[in-house]
Amino acid sequence: MTRYSLGLELPKTRRDEAMQGFVNRAFQQYVQDMHGTAAWEEIRVVAGAPLDGFEAMLPCDAQSTRHLLDAMACHLNLSAEALWEDLGLYLITHPRMEAIRRLLRFGGRDFVEFIWSLADLHDRGRLALASLDLPRVHIQSEMHGDMLRFDLAVTWVMEGGLCLILGALQAMADEYGTLAVIRVDKGRIVVECHDLGYGPGRSFALIGADRLREVAR
């Protein structure tokens, strides 16, 4: 058995398959949490997914994700693009995914700092886990009057990854209380920031509420 430790390069094919496993597991959790276990069971059977579902740490090929998306699109009456975008929203907003939300909040004190932090997303992911092949994001910005515009060029193995990131960015804008228009344009993600203090945003602390209560005792 070949072992890979931190600092060693995992072959690209293995990284791609590992990410497919993560994504398939995330889609499974999304369906179970948002549409119910009965819906997941029907989708699982049609997609030919494993009886016990997907495991995040087990590699999968891209075809398994395509089969899963086809089954979800048919059962939920949603397009593949809408499913990817919903997954991005789910990963940030659902209580089960609180760890992801908290990890991303460390990217900056406000939404603009968070956007700039995405330039390091790929490398930070690889430091955490060698098989975690997160998107590479190249960022450009310019001012248009009082509006700050970002253009994000994203490179990622996931076929619907751009829509997933779109959904996640929309959720993060709400997270920070920022008024922003976010869209896909010519293969890039465009973020137009109009008001960083538009809303209160969600609360965030370095440790969770349960732990805060324990410390306060």
N, C-alpha and C. Protein backbone atom coordinates (compact mmCIF):
# COMPACT_ATOMS: atom_id res chain seq x y z
N MET A 1 0.86 -1.20 0.00
CA MET A 1 0.00 0.00 0.00
C MET A 1 0.89 1.24 0.00
N THR A 2 0.57 2.19 -0.87
CA THR A 2 1.31 3.44 -0.92
C THR A 2 0.74 4.41 0.09
N ARG A 3 1.59 5.03 0.85
CA ARG A 3 1.13 6.00 1.84
C ARG A 3 1.62 7.39 1.43
N TYR A 4 0.77 8.39 1.69
CA TYR A 4 1.11 9.76 1.36
C TYR A 4 1.06 10.60 2.63
N SER A 5 2.14 11.24 2.94
CA SER A 5 2.18 12.09 4.13
C SER A 5 2.16 13.55 3.70
N LEU A 6 1.96 14.43 4.68
CA LEU A 6 1.91 15.85 4.40
C LEU A 6 3.21 16.29 3.75
N GLY A 7 3.07 17.01 2.62
CA GLY A 7 4.25 17.47 1.92
C GLY A 7 4.56 16.63 0.71
N LEU A 8 4.02 15.41 0.60
CA LEU A 8 4.22 14.58 -0.57
C LEU A 8 3.09 14.81 -1.56
N GLU A 9 3.41 14.78 -2.85
CA GLU A 9 2.44 15.07 -3.89
C GLU A 9 1.59 13.84 -4.19
N LEU A 10 0.29 13.95 -3.97
CA LEU A 10 -0.64 12.88 -4.32
C LEU A 10 -0.90 12.95 -5.81
N PRO A 11 -0.82 11.82 -6.55
CA PRO A 11 -1.06 11.85 -7.99
C PRO A 11 -2.39 12.52 -8.33
N LYS A 12 -2.42 13.27 -9.45
CA LYS A 12 -3.59 14.06 -9.79
C LYS A 12 -4.84 13.19 -9.91
N THR A 13 -4.74 12.01 -10.52
CA THR A 13 -5.91 11.15 -10.67
C THR A 13 -6.48 10.78 -9.31
N ARG A 14 -5.60 10.49 -8.35
CA ARG A 14 -6.06 10.13 -7.00
C ARG A 14 -6.74 11.32 -6.33
N ARG A 15 -6.17 12.53 -6.53
CA ARG A 15 -6.78 13.72 -5.94
C ARG A 15 -8.15 13.98 -6.54
N ASP A 16 -8.27 13.81 -7.86
CA ASP A 16 -9.56 14.02 -8.52
C ASP A 16 -10.61 13.06 -7.98
N GLU A 17 -10.24 11.78 -7.85
CA GLU A 17 -11.18 10.78 -7.36
C GLU A 17 -11.55 11.03 -5.90
N ALA A 18 -10.58 11.51 -5.12
CA ALA A 18 -10.87 11.82 -3.72
C ALA A 18 -11.88 12.96 -3.61
N MET A 19 -11.72 13.99 -4.46
CA MET A 19 -12.66 15.10 -4.44
C MET A 19 -14.05 14.64 -4.87
N GLN A 20 -14.13 13.72 -5.83
CA GLN A 20 -15.44 13.20 -6.24
C GLN A 20 -16.11 12.52 -5.06
N GLY A 21 -15.33 11.82 -4.24
CA GLY A 21 -15.88 11.18 -3.06
C GLY A 21 -16.44 12.19 -2.07
N PHE A 22 -15.69 13.27 -1.85
CA PHE A 22 -16.16 14.34 -0.97
C PHE A 22 -17.47 14.94 -1.49
N VAL A 23 -17.50 15.21 -2.80
CA VAL A 23 -18.68 15.85 -3.39
C VAL A 23 -19.89 14.92 -3.35
N ASN A 24 -19.68 13.65 -3.67
CA ASN A 24 -20.80 12.71 -3.63
C ASN A 24 -21.39 12.61 -2.22
N ARG A 25 -20.52 12.57 -1.22
CA ARG A 25 -20.99 12.52 0.16
C ARG A 25 -21.77 13.79 0.51
N ALA A 26 -21.27 14.95 0.05
CA ALA A 26 -21.96 16.21 0.33
C ALA A 26 -23.34 16.24 -0.32
N PHE A 27 -23.44 15.75 -1.55
CA PHE A 27 -24.75 15.69 -2.21
C PHE A 27 -25.69 14.76 -1.45
N GLN A 28 -25.18 13.64 -0.97
CA GLN A 28 -26.01 12.72 -0.18
C GLN A 28 -26.56 13.42 1.05
N GLN A 29 -25.71 14.12 1.77
CA GLN A 29 -26.15 14.82 2.98
C GLN A 29 -27.14 15.94 2.64
N TYR A 30 -26.89 16.62 1.54
CA TYR A 30 -27.81 17.67 1.09
C TYR A 30 -29.22 17.11 0.85
N VAL A 31 -29.30 15.99 0.13
CA VAL A 31 -30.60 15.39 -0.15
C VAL A 31 -31.27 14.93 1.14
N GLN A 32 -30.52 14.24 1.99
CA GLN A 32 -31.09 13.74 3.24
C GLN A 32 -31.60 14.87 4.13
N ASP A 33 -30.84 15.95 4.24
CA ASP A 33 -31.21 17.05 5.14
C ASP A 33 -32.30 17.94 4.55
N MET A 34 -32.27 18.16 3.25
CA MET A 34 -33.20 19.12 2.64
C MET A 34 -34.44 18.46 2.04
N HIS A 35 -34.35 17.18 1.68
CA HIS A 35 -35.47 16.52 1.01
C HIS A 35 -35.91 15.22 1.68
N GLY A 36 -35.17 14.76 2.65
CA GLY A 36 -35.59 13.60 3.42
C GLY A 36 -34.88 12.31 3.03
N THR A 37 -34.89 11.37 3.98
CA THR A 37 -34.20 10.09 3.75
C THR A 37 -34.88 9.24 2.69
N ALA A 38 -36.22 9.36 2.58
CA ALA A 38 -36.93 8.58 1.55
C ALA A 38 -36.52 9.04 0.16
N ALA A 39 -36.37 10.35 -0.02
CA ALA A 39 -35.93 10.88 -1.31
C ALA A 39 -34.52 10.39 -1.63
N TRP A 40 -33.65 10.39 -0.62
CA TRP A 40 -32.29 9.90 -0.86
C TRP A 40 -32.30 8.44 -1.27
N GLU A 41 -33.10 7.61 -0.63
CA GLU A 41 -33.11 6.19 -0.95
C GLU A 41 -33.55 5.96 -2.39
N GLU A 42 -34.54 6.70 -2.85
CA GLU A 42 -34.97 6.55 -4.24
C GLU A 42 -33.88 7.01 -5.20
N ILE A 43 -33.26 8.12 -4.88
CA ILE A 43 -32.17 8.63 -5.73
C ILE A 43 -31.00 7.66 -5.72
N ARG A 44 -30.67 7.13 -4.56
CA ARG A 44 -29.53 6.20 -4.45
C ARG A 44 -29.73 4.99 -5.35
N VAL A 45 -30.93 4.44 -5.34
CA VAL A 45 -31.21 3.25 -6.15
C VAL A 45 -31.07 3.56 -7.63
N VAL A 46 -31.67 4.67 -8.08
CA VAL A 46 -31.60 5.05 -9.49
C VAL A 46 -30.16 5.32 -9.91
N ALA A 47 -29.39 5.98 -9.05
CA ALA A 47 -28.01 6.34 -9.38
C ALA A 47 -27.05 5.16 -9.28
N GLY A 48 -27.50 4.06 -8.67
CA GLY A 48 -26.60 2.92 -8.48
C GLY A 48 -25.55 3.19 -7.43
N ALA A 49 -25.86 4.04 -6.46
CA ALA A 49 -24.92 4.37 -5.40
C ALA A 49 -24.84 3.21 -4.40
N PRO A 50 -23.77 3.16 -3.60
CA PRO A 50 -23.63 2.09 -2.62
C PRO A 50 -24.80 2.04 -1.65
N LEU A 51 -25.11 0.85 -1.16
CA LEU A 51 -26.23 0.65 -0.25
C LEU A 51 -26.12 1.54 0.98
N ASP A 52 -24.92 1.68 1.51
CA ASP A 52 -24.70 2.50 2.70
C ASP A 52 -24.38 3.95 2.36
N GLY A 53 -24.49 4.31 1.10
CA GLY A 53 -24.18 5.68 0.69
C GLY A 53 -22.69 5.88 0.45
N PHE A 54 -22.31 7.12 0.28
CA PHE A 54 -20.92 7.46 -0.02
C PHE A 54 -20.17 7.81 1.25
N GLU A 55 -18.87 7.54 1.24
CA GLU A 55 -17.98 7.93 2.32
C GLU A 55 -17.03 9.00 1.80
N ALA A 56 -16.89 10.08 2.55
CA ALA A 56 -16.10 11.21 2.06
C ALA A 56 -14.65 10.86 1.78
N MET A 57 -14.10 9.92 2.52
CA MET A 57 -12.68 9.60 2.37
C MET A 57 -12.41 8.53 1.32
N LEU A 58 -13.46 7.97 0.73
CA LEU A 58 -13.27 6.93 -0.29
C LEU A 58 -13.38 7.54 -1.68
N PRO A 59 -12.40 7.27 -2.56
CA PRO A 59 -12.42 7.88 -3.90
C PRO A 59 -13.55 7.35 -4.76
N CYS A 60 -14.04 8.20 -5.66
CA CYS A 60 -15.08 7.84 -6.63
C CYS A 60 -14.67 8.41 -7.98
N ASP A 61 -15.20 7.83 -9.05
CA ASP A 61 -14.92 8.40 -10.36
C ASP A 61 -15.97 9.43 -10.73
N ALA A 62 -15.67 10.23 -11.75
CA ALA A 62 -16.57 11.32 -12.15
C ALA A 62 -17.90 10.79 -12.64
N GLN A 63 -17.91 9.58 -13.21
CA GLN A 63 -19.16 9.03 -13.72
C GLN A 63 -20.17 8.80 -12.60
N SER A 64 -19.70 8.43 -11.43
CA SER A 64 -20.62 8.22 -10.31
C SER A 64 -21.32 9.52 -9.93
N THR A 65 -20.61 10.64 -10.02
CA THR A 65 -21.21 11.94 -9.73
C THR A 65 -22.23 12.31 -10.80
N ARG A 66 -21.92 12.00 -12.06
CA ARG A 66 -22.88 12.29 -13.14
C ARG A 66 -24.15 11.48 -12.96
N HIS A 67 -24.03 10.20 -12.64
CA HIS A 67 -25.20 9.36 -12.39
C HIS A 67 -26.02 9.91 -11.23
N LEU A 68 -25.33 10.35 -10.18
CA LEU A 68 -26.01 10.89 -9.01
C LEU A 68 -26.76 12.17 -9.36
N LEU A 69 -26.11 13.05 -10.12
CA LEU A 69 -26.75 14.30 -10.53
C LEU A 69 -27.98 14.04 -11.41
N ASP A 70 -27.86 13.10 -12.33
CA ASP A 70 -28.99 12.77 -13.20
C ASP A 70 -30.18 12.29 -12.37
N ALA A 71 -29.91 11.42 -11.40
CA ALA A 71 -30.98 10.89 -10.55
C ALA A 71 -31.60 11.99 -9.69
N MET A 72 -30.79 12.88 -9.15
CA MET A 72 -31.30 13.98 -8.34
C MET A 72 -32.12 14.95 -9.18
N ALA A 73 -31.62 15.27 -10.37
CA ALA A 73 -32.32 16.21 -11.24
C ALA A 73 -33.70 15.68 -11.60
N CYS A 74 -33.80 14.39 -11.87
CA CYS A 74 -35.07 13.78 -12.24
C CYS A 74 -36.02 13.75 -11.05
N HIS A 75 -35.53 13.32 -9.90
CA HIS A 75 -36.39 13.15 -8.73
C HIS A 75 -36.81 14.50 -8.14
N LEU A 76 -35.92 15.48 -8.12
CA LEU A 76 -36.20 16.76 -7.48
C LEU A 76 -36.68 17.82 -8.49
N ASN A 77 -36.67 17.47 -9.76
CA ASN A 77 -37.10 18.39 -10.82
C ASN A 77 -36.27 19.68 -10.80
N LEU A 78 -34.97 19.52 -10.69
CA LEU A 78 -34.04 20.64 -10.70
C LEU A 78 -32.96 20.38 -11.73
N SER A 79 -32.41 21.45 -12.30
CA SER A 79 -31.31 21.30 -13.23
C SER A 79 -30.03 20.97 -12.47
N ALA A 80 -29.04 20.44 -13.20
CA ALA A 80 -27.75 20.15 -12.57
C ALA A 80 -27.13 21.43 -12.01
N GLU A 81 -27.26 22.53 -12.76
CA GLU A 81 -26.70 23.80 -12.29
C GLU A 81 -27.34 24.25 -10.98
N ALA A 82 -28.68 24.10 -10.89
CA ALA A 82 -29.38 24.49 -9.67
C ALA A 82 -28.97 23.61 -8.50
N LEU A 83 -28.73 22.33 -8.75
CA LEU A 83 -28.31 21.42 -7.68
C LEU A 83 -26.92 21.79 -7.15
N TRP A 84 -26.00 22.10 -8.06
CA TRP A 84 -24.68 22.52 -7.62
C TRP A 84 -24.76 23.80 -6.80
N GLU A 85 -25.58 24.77 -7.26
CA GLU A 85 -25.71 26.03 -6.54
C GLU A 85 -26.35 25.80 -5.17
N ASP A 86 -27.37 24.96 -5.12
CA ASP A 86 -28.00 24.62 -3.84
C ASP A 86 -27.01 23.97 -2.89
N LEU A 87 -26.13 23.13 -3.44
CA LEU A 87 -25.13 22.48 -2.60
C LEU A 87 -24.21 23.52 -1.97
N GLY A 88 -23.80 24.53 -2.76
CA GLY A 88 -22.96 25.59 -2.22
C GLY A 88 -23.63 26.33 -1.10
N LEU A 89 -24.91 26.64 -1.25
CA LEU A 89 -25.68 27.31 -0.19
C LEU A 89 -25.77 26.42 1.05
N TYR A 90 -26.05 25.14 0.82
CA TYR A 90 -26.20 24.18 1.92
C TYR A 90 -24.92 24.05 2.73
N LEU A 91 -23.78 24.00 2.06
CA LEU A 91 -22.51 23.81 2.75
C LEU A 91 -22.19 24.96 3.72
N ILE A 92 -22.75 26.14 3.46
CA ILE A 92 -22.48 27.29 4.31
C ILE A 92 -23.55 27.48 5.38
N THR A 93 -24.80 27.18 5.05
CA THR A 93 -25.91 27.59 5.91
C THR A 93 -26.49 26.49 6.79
N HIS A 94 -26.29 25.22 6.44
CA HIS A 94 -26.94 24.17 7.23
C HIS A 94 -26.16 23.89 8.52
N PRO A 95 -26.85 23.70 9.63
CA PRO A 95 -26.17 23.44 10.91
C PRO A 95 -25.20 22.26 10.86
N ARG A 96 -25.51 21.25 10.06
CA ARG A 96 -24.61 20.08 9.97
C ARG A 96 -23.23 20.50 9.44
N MET A 97 -23.19 21.58 8.66
CA MET A 97 -21.96 22.02 8.01
C MET A 97 -21.32 23.22 8.72
N GLU A 98 -21.64 23.39 9.99
CA GLU A 98 -21.13 24.52 10.74
C GLU A 98 -19.61 24.63 10.68
N ALA A 99 -18.91 23.50 10.65
CA ALA A 99 -17.44 23.52 10.63
C ALA A 99 -16.92 24.21 9.37
N ILE A 100 -17.57 23.99 8.23
CA ILE A 100 -17.15 24.63 6.98
C ILE A 100 -17.39 26.13 7.07
N ARG A 101 -18.57 26.50 7.56
CA ARG A 101 -18.89 27.92 7.72
C ARG A 101 -17.86 28.62 8.60
N ARG A 102 -17.51 28.00 9.73
CA ARG A 102 -16.55 28.61 10.65
C ARG A 102 -15.17 28.70 10.02
N LEU A 103 -14.77 27.66 9.29
CA LEU A 103 -13.46 27.67 8.65
C LEU A 103 -13.35 28.81 7.65
N LEU A 104 -14.40 29.03 6.86
CA LEU A 104 -14.37 30.10 5.87
C LEU A 104 -14.40 31.47 6.51
N ARG A 105 -15.08 31.61 7.65
CA ARG A 105 -15.14 32.91 8.32
C ARG A 105 -13.76 33.38 8.79
N PHE A 106 -12.84 32.45 8.99
CA PHE A 106 -11.48 32.84 9.35
C PHE A 106 -10.77 33.54 8.19
N GLY A 107 -11.39 33.53 7.00
CA GLY A 107 -10.77 34.15 5.83
C GLY A 107 -10.70 35.66 5.89
N GLY A 108 -11.51 36.29 6.74
CA GLY A 108 -11.43 37.75 6.80
C GLY A 108 -12.45 38.35 7.73
N ARG A 109 -12.19 39.61 8.11
CA ARG A 109 -13.10 40.31 9.01
C ARG A 109 -14.35 40.81 8.30
N ASP A 110 -14.25 40.99 6.98
CA ASP A 110 -15.41 41.41 6.20
C ASP A 110 -15.41 40.64 4.88
N PHE A 111 -16.43 40.89 4.06
CA PHE A 111 -16.60 40.11 2.84
C PHE A 111 -15.48 40.35 1.84
N VAL A 112 -14.96 41.57 1.79
CA VAL A 112 -13.87 41.87 0.86
C VAL A 112 -12.60 41.09 1.25
N GLU A 113 -12.26 41.09 2.53
CA GLU A 113 -11.10 40.31 2.97
C GLU A 113 -11.32 38.83 2.68
N PHE A 114 -12.54 38.36 2.87
CA PHE A 114 -12.84 36.97 2.58
C PHE A 114 -12.61 36.65 1.11
N ILE A 115 -13.06 37.51 0.20
CA ILE A 115 -12.86 37.28 -1.23
C ILE A 115 -11.37 37.16 -1.55
N TRP A 116 -10.57 38.08 -1.01
CA TRP A 116 -9.13 38.01 -1.28
C TRP A 116 -8.50 36.74 -0.73
N SER A 117 -9.05 36.23 0.36
CA SER A 117 -8.49 35.01 0.96
C SER A 117 -8.68 33.79 0.07
N LEU A 118 -9.60 33.86 -0.88
CA LEU A 118 -9.84 32.72 -1.77
C LEU A 118 -8.64 32.41 -2.66
N ALA A 119 -7.76 33.38 -2.83
CA ALA A 119 -6.55 33.14 -3.63
C ALA A 119 -5.68 32.06 -3.00
N ASP A 120 -5.80 31.87 -1.68
CA ASP A 120 -4.99 30.87 -0.97
C ASP A 120 -5.78 29.60 -0.66
N LEU A 121 -7.02 29.52 -1.15
CA LEU A 121 -7.90 28.41 -0.78
C LEU A 121 -7.31 27.05 -1.15
N HIS A 122 -6.80 26.93 -2.36
CA HIS A 122 -6.26 25.64 -2.82
C HIS A 122 -5.10 25.18 -1.94
N ASP A 123 -4.16 26.07 -1.69
CA ASP A 123 -2.97 25.70 -0.90
C ASP A 123 -3.34 25.40 0.55
N ARG A 124 -4.29 26.16 1.12
CA ARG A 124 -4.70 25.89 2.50
C ARG A 124 -5.36 24.52 2.61
N GLY A 125 -6.14 24.17 1.60
CA GLY A 125 -6.78 22.86 1.61
C GLY A 125 -5.78 21.73 1.55
N ARG A 126 -4.76 21.88 0.73
CA ARG A 126 -3.74 20.83 0.59
C ARG A 126 -2.91 20.68 1.86
N LEU A 127 -2.70 21.79 2.58
CA LEU A 127 -1.99 21.69 3.85
C LEU A 127 -2.80 20.91 4.87
N ALA A 128 -4.12 21.10 4.83
CA ALA A 128 -4.98 20.41 5.79
C ALA A 128 -5.09 18.93 5.46
N LEU A 129 -5.21 18.61 4.16
CA LEU A 129 -5.40 17.23 3.74
C LEU A 129 -4.90 17.10 2.30
N ALA A 130 -3.93 16.20 2.11
CA ALA A 130 -3.28 16.10 0.80
C ALA A 130 -4.25 15.77 -0.33
N SER A 131 -5.33 15.05 -0.02
CA SER A 131 -6.29 14.65 -1.05
C SER A 131 -7.35 15.71 -1.32
N LEU A 132 -7.32 16.83 -0.58
CA LEU A 132 -8.33 17.87 -0.71
C LEU A 132 -7.90 18.83 -1.82
N ASP A 133 -8.41 18.61 -3.01
CA ASP A 133 -8.02 19.40 -4.18
C ASP A 133 -9.05 20.50 -4.41
N LEU A 134 -8.96 21.57 -3.63
CA LEU A 134 -9.91 22.67 -3.71
C LEU A 134 -9.61 23.56 -4.92
N PRO A 135 -10.54 24.44 -5.28
CA PRO A 135 -10.35 25.26 -6.48
C PRO A 135 -9.14 26.18 -6.39
N ARG A 136 -8.55 26.45 -7.54
CA ARG A 136 -7.57 27.52 -7.67
C ARG A 136 -8.33 28.76 -8.14
N VAL A 137 -8.15 29.86 -7.44
CA VAL A 137 -8.92 31.07 -7.74
C VAL A 137 -7.95 32.23 -8.01
N HIS A 138 -8.07 32.80 -9.21
CA HIS A 138 -7.29 34.00 -9.56
C HIS A 138 -8.24 35.19 -9.49
N ILE A 139 -7.82 36.24 -8.77
CA ILE A 139 -8.72 37.34 -8.45
C ILE A 139 -8.22 38.65 -9.04
N GLN A 140 -9.14 39.38 -9.67
CA GLN A 140 -8.89 40.75 -10.12
C GLN A 140 -9.98 41.64 -9.55
N SER A 141 -9.65 42.89 -9.27
CA SER A 141 -10.65 43.81 -8.71
C SER A 141 -10.52 45.18 -9.35
N GLU A 142 -11.63 45.92 -9.34
CA GLU A 142 -11.62 47.30 -9.81
C GLU A 142 -12.82 48.03 -9.22
N MET A 143 -12.66 49.34 -9.05
CA MET A 143 -13.73 50.17 -8.53
C MET A 143 -14.56 50.74 -9.67
N HIS A 144 -15.88 50.75 -9.48
CA HIS A 144 -16.81 51.40 -10.39
C HIS A 144 -17.65 52.37 -9.55
N GLY A 145 -17.19 53.59 -9.40
CA GLY A 145 -17.86 54.52 -8.50
C GLY A 145 -17.72 54.03 -7.07
N ASP A 146 -18.86 53.80 -6.40
CA ASP A 146 -18.84 53.30 -5.03
C ASP A 146 -18.91 51.78 -4.97
N MET A 147 -18.91 51.14 -6.11
CA MET A 147 -19.05 49.67 -6.17
C MET A 147 -17.70 49.03 -6.47
N LEU A 148 -17.35 48.03 -5.65
CA LEU A 148 -16.12 47.27 -5.85
C LEU A 148 -16.46 45.97 -6.56
N ARG A 149 -15.82 45.73 -7.69
CA ARG A 149 -16.09 44.54 -8.48
C ARG A 149 -14.90 43.59 -8.45
N PHE A 150 -15.20 42.31 -8.24
CA PHE A 150 -14.20 41.25 -8.31
C PHE A 150 -14.52 40.34 -9.49
N ASP A 151 -13.49 39.94 -10.20
CA ASP A 151 -13.61 38.90 -11.23
C ASP A 151 -12.79 37.70 -10.78
N LEU A 152 -13.46 36.54 -10.61
CA LEU A 152 -12.80 35.34 -10.12
C LEU A 152 -12.69 34.32 -11.25
N ALA A 153 -11.47 34.00 -11.62
CA ALA A 153 -11.22 32.93 -12.58
C ALA A 153 -10.94 31.65 -11.79
N VAL A 154 -11.79 30.65 -11.95
CA VAL A 154 -11.73 29.45 -11.13
C VAL A 154 -11.29 28.25 -11.96
N THR A 155 -10.32 27.52 -11.46
CA THR A 155 -9.88 26.26 -12.08
C THR A 155 -10.11 25.14 -11.08
N TRP A 156 -10.93 24.17 -11.49
CA TRP A 156 -11.26 23.07 -10.58
C TRP A 156 -11.68 21.85 -11.38
N VAL A 157 -11.43 20.68 -10.82
CA VAL A 157 -11.76 19.43 -11.49
C VAL A 157 -13.27 19.19 -11.54
N MET A 158 -14.03 19.76 -10.61
CA MET A 158 -15.47 19.51 -10.55
C MET A 158 -16.19 20.17 -11.72
N GLU A 159 -16.98 19.38 -12.47
CA GLU A 159 -17.63 19.90 -13.66
C GLU A 159 -18.63 21.00 -13.35
N GLY A 160 -19.31 20.93 -12.22
CA GLY A 160 -20.27 21.96 -11.84
C GLY A 160 -19.76 22.86 -10.75
N GLY A 161 -18.45 22.86 -10.56
CA GLY A 161 -17.87 23.58 -9.43
C GLY A 161 -18.13 25.06 -9.43
N LEU A 162 -18.24 25.67 -10.62
CA LEU A 162 -18.48 27.11 -10.68
C LEU A 162 -19.82 27.46 -10.04
N CYS A 163 -20.83 26.64 -10.29
CA CYS A 163 -22.15 26.89 -9.68
C CYS A 163 -22.12 26.65 -8.18
N LEU A 164 -21.35 25.65 -7.74
CA LEU A 164 -21.22 25.41 -6.30
C LEU A 164 -20.61 26.62 -5.62
N ILE A 165 -19.55 27.17 -6.21
CA ILE A 165 -18.88 28.33 -5.63
C ILE A 165 -19.82 29.54 -5.66
N LEU A 166 -20.61 29.68 -6.72
CA LEU A 166 -21.58 30.76 -6.80
C LEU A 166 -22.54 30.71 -5.61
N GLY A 167 -23.09 29.53 -5.33
CA GLY A 167 -24.00 29.38 -4.20
C GLY A 167 -23.32 29.67 -2.88
N ALA A 168 -22.09 29.18 -2.73
CA ALA A 168 -21.37 29.41 -1.48
C ALA A 168 -21.07 30.89 -1.27
N LEU A 169 -20.71 31.61 -2.33
CA LEU A 169 -20.41 33.03 -2.22
C LEU A 169 -21.66 33.83 -1.86
N GLN A 170 -22.80 33.44 -2.42
CA GLN A 170 -24.05 34.11 -2.05
C GLN A 170 -24.34 33.95 -0.56
N ALA A 171 -24.11 32.74 -0.07
CA ALA A 171 -24.32 32.49 1.35
C ALA A 171 -23.32 33.27 2.20
N MET A 172 -22.08 33.36 1.75
CA MET A 172 -21.07 34.08 2.53
C MET A 172 -21.33 35.58 2.53
N ALA A 173 -21.87 36.12 1.44
CA ALA A 173 -22.24 37.54 1.44
C ALA A 173 -23.29 37.81 2.53
N ASP A 174 -24.28 36.93 2.62
CA ASP A 174 -25.28 37.04 3.69
C ASP A 174 -24.63 36.87 5.06
N GLU A 175 -23.68 35.95 5.13
CA GLU A 175 -22.97 35.68 6.38
C GLU A 175 -22.32 36.95 6.93
N TYR A 176 -21.74 37.75 6.03
CA TYR A 176 -21.06 38.98 6.43
C TYR A 176 -21.99 40.19 6.44
N GLY A 177 -23.26 40.03 6.03
CA GLY A 177 -24.17 41.16 5.98
C GLY A 177 -23.88 42.12 4.85
N THR A 178 -23.35 41.59 3.74
CA THR A 178 -22.94 42.42 2.60
C THR A 178 -23.99 42.39 1.50
N LEU A 179 -24.28 43.56 0.94
CA LEU A 179 -25.14 43.64 -0.24
C LEU A 179 -24.26 43.46 -1.46
N ALA A 180 -24.43 42.35 -2.14
CA ALA A 180 -23.59 42.04 -3.30
C ALA A 180 -24.41 41.35 -4.37
N VAL A 181 -24.07 41.63 -5.62
CA VAL A 181 -24.65 40.93 -6.76
C VAL A 181 -23.59 39.96 -7.27
N ILE A 182 -23.92 38.67 -7.29
CA ILE A 182 -22.94 37.63 -7.64
C ILE A 182 -23.52 36.81 -8.79
N ARG A 183 -22.76 36.65 -9.84
CA ARG A 183 -23.26 35.94 -11.02
C ARG A 183 -22.10 35.29 -11.77
N VAL A 184 -22.44 34.37 -12.66
CA VAL A 184 -21.46 33.78 -13.57
C VAL A 184 -21.54 34.50 -14.90
N ASP A 185 -20.40 34.93 -15.41
CA ASP A 185 -20.35 35.66 -16.67
C ASP A 185 -19.14 35.19 -17.48
N LYS A 186 -19.42 34.58 -18.62
CA LYS A 186 -18.36 34.13 -19.53
C LYS A 186 -17.32 33.24 -18.83
N GLY A 187 -17.82 32.31 -18.05
CA GLY A 187 -16.94 31.35 -17.40
C GLY A 187 -16.22 31.86 -16.17
N ARG A 188 -16.56 33.06 -15.72
CA ARG A 188 -15.98 33.61 -14.51
C ARG A 188 -17.09 33.96 -13.53
N ILE A 189 -16.71 34.10 -12.26
CA ILE A 189 -17.66 34.58 -11.27
C ILE A 189 -17.41 36.07 -11.05
N VAL A 190 -18.46 36.84 -11.19
CA VAL A 190 -18.38 38.29 -10.97
C VAL A 190 -19.07 38.62 -9.65
N VAL A 191 -18.37 39.34 -8.78
CA VAL A 191 -18.91 39.75 -7.49
C VAL A 191 -18.90 41.27 -7.45
N GLU A 192 -20.08 41.87 -7.34
CA GLU A 192 -20.20 43.32 -7.25
C GLU A 192 -20.64 43.70 -5.83
N CYS A 193 -19.74 44.29 -5.08
CA CYS A 193 -20.02 44.65 -3.69
C CYS A 193 -20.54 46.09 -3.63
N HIS A 194 -21.75 46.25 -3.15
CA HIS A 194 -22.39 47.56 -3.09
C HIS A 194 -22.39 48.16 -1.69
N ASP A 195 -22.51 47.32 -0.66
CA ASP A 195 -22.57 47.83 0.71
C ASP A 195 -22.11 46.74 1.68
N LEU A 196 -20.93 46.93 2.27
CA LEU A 196 -20.39 45.91 3.19
C LEU A 196 -21.15 45.85 4.50
N GLY A 197 -21.83 46.94 4.85
CA GLY A 197 -22.56 46.98 6.13
C GLY A 197 -24.06 46.99 5.94
N TYR A 198 -24.53 46.34 4.91
CA TYR A 198 -25.96 46.38 4.57
C TYR A 198 -26.83 45.73 5.64
N GLY A 199 -26.36 44.63 6.20
CA GLY A 199 -27.13 43.91 7.21
C GLY A 199 -26.25 43.52 8.38
N PRO A 200 -26.84 42.93 9.43
CA PRO A 200 -26.08 42.58 10.63
C PRO A 200 -25.14 41.39 10.43
N GLY A 201 -25.42 40.53 9.44
CA GLY A 201 -24.62 39.33 9.30
C GLY A 201 -24.87 38.33 10.41
N ARG A 202 -24.24 37.19 10.32
CA ARG A 202 -24.39 36.17 11.35
C ARG A 202 -23.28 36.30 12.39
N SER A 203 -23.60 35.93 13.60
CA SER A 203 -22.61 36.02 14.67
C SER A 203 -21.49 35.02 14.43
N PHE A 204 -20.30 35.38 14.91
CA PHE A 204 -19.15 34.49 14.75
C PHE A 204 -18.21 34.70 15.91
N ALA A 205 -17.79 33.58 16.51
CA ALA A 205 -16.81 33.62 17.60
C ALA A 205 -15.75 32.57 17.33
N LEU A 206 -14.58 32.75 17.94
CA LEU A 206 -13.48 31.80 17.72
C LEU A 206 -13.82 30.42 18.23
N ILE A 207 -14.71 30.34 19.24
CA ILE A 207 -15.19 29.05 19.71
C ILE A 207 -16.71 29.08 19.67
N GLY A 208 -17.32 27.91 19.58
CA GLY A 208 -18.75 27.81 19.43
C GLY A 208 -19.52 28.21 20.69
N ALA A 209 -20.82 28.39 20.54
CA ALA A 209 -21.67 28.83 21.65
C ALA A 209 -21.65 27.86 22.81
N ASP A 210 -21.69 26.55 22.50
CA ASP A 210 -21.67 25.55 23.58
C ASP A 210 -20.39 25.65 24.40
N ARG A 211 -19.27 25.82 23.69
CA ARG A 211 -18.00 25.92 24.39
C ARG A 211 -17.91 27.22 25.19
N LEU A 212 -18.50 28.31 24.67
CA LEU A 212 -18.52 29.57 25.40
C LEU A 212 -19.25 29.41 26.73
N ARG A 213 -20.36 28.68 26.69
CA ARG A 213 -21.13 28.48 27.93
C ARG A 213 -20.33 27.66 28.93
N GLU A 214 -19.56 26.66 28.43
CA GLU A 214 -18.74 25.86 29.32
C GLU A 214 -17.65 26.71 29.98
N VAL A 215 -17.02 27.57 29.19
CA VAL A 215 -15.95 28.43 29.71
C VAL A 215 -16.50 29.40 30.76
N ALA A 216 -17.74 29.86 30.53
CA ALA A 216 -18.33 30.86 31.42
C ALA A 216 -18.73 30.29 32.77
N ARG A 217 -18.82 28.97 32.90
CA ARG A 217 -19.26 28.37 34.16
C ARG A 217 -18.20 28.51 35.24
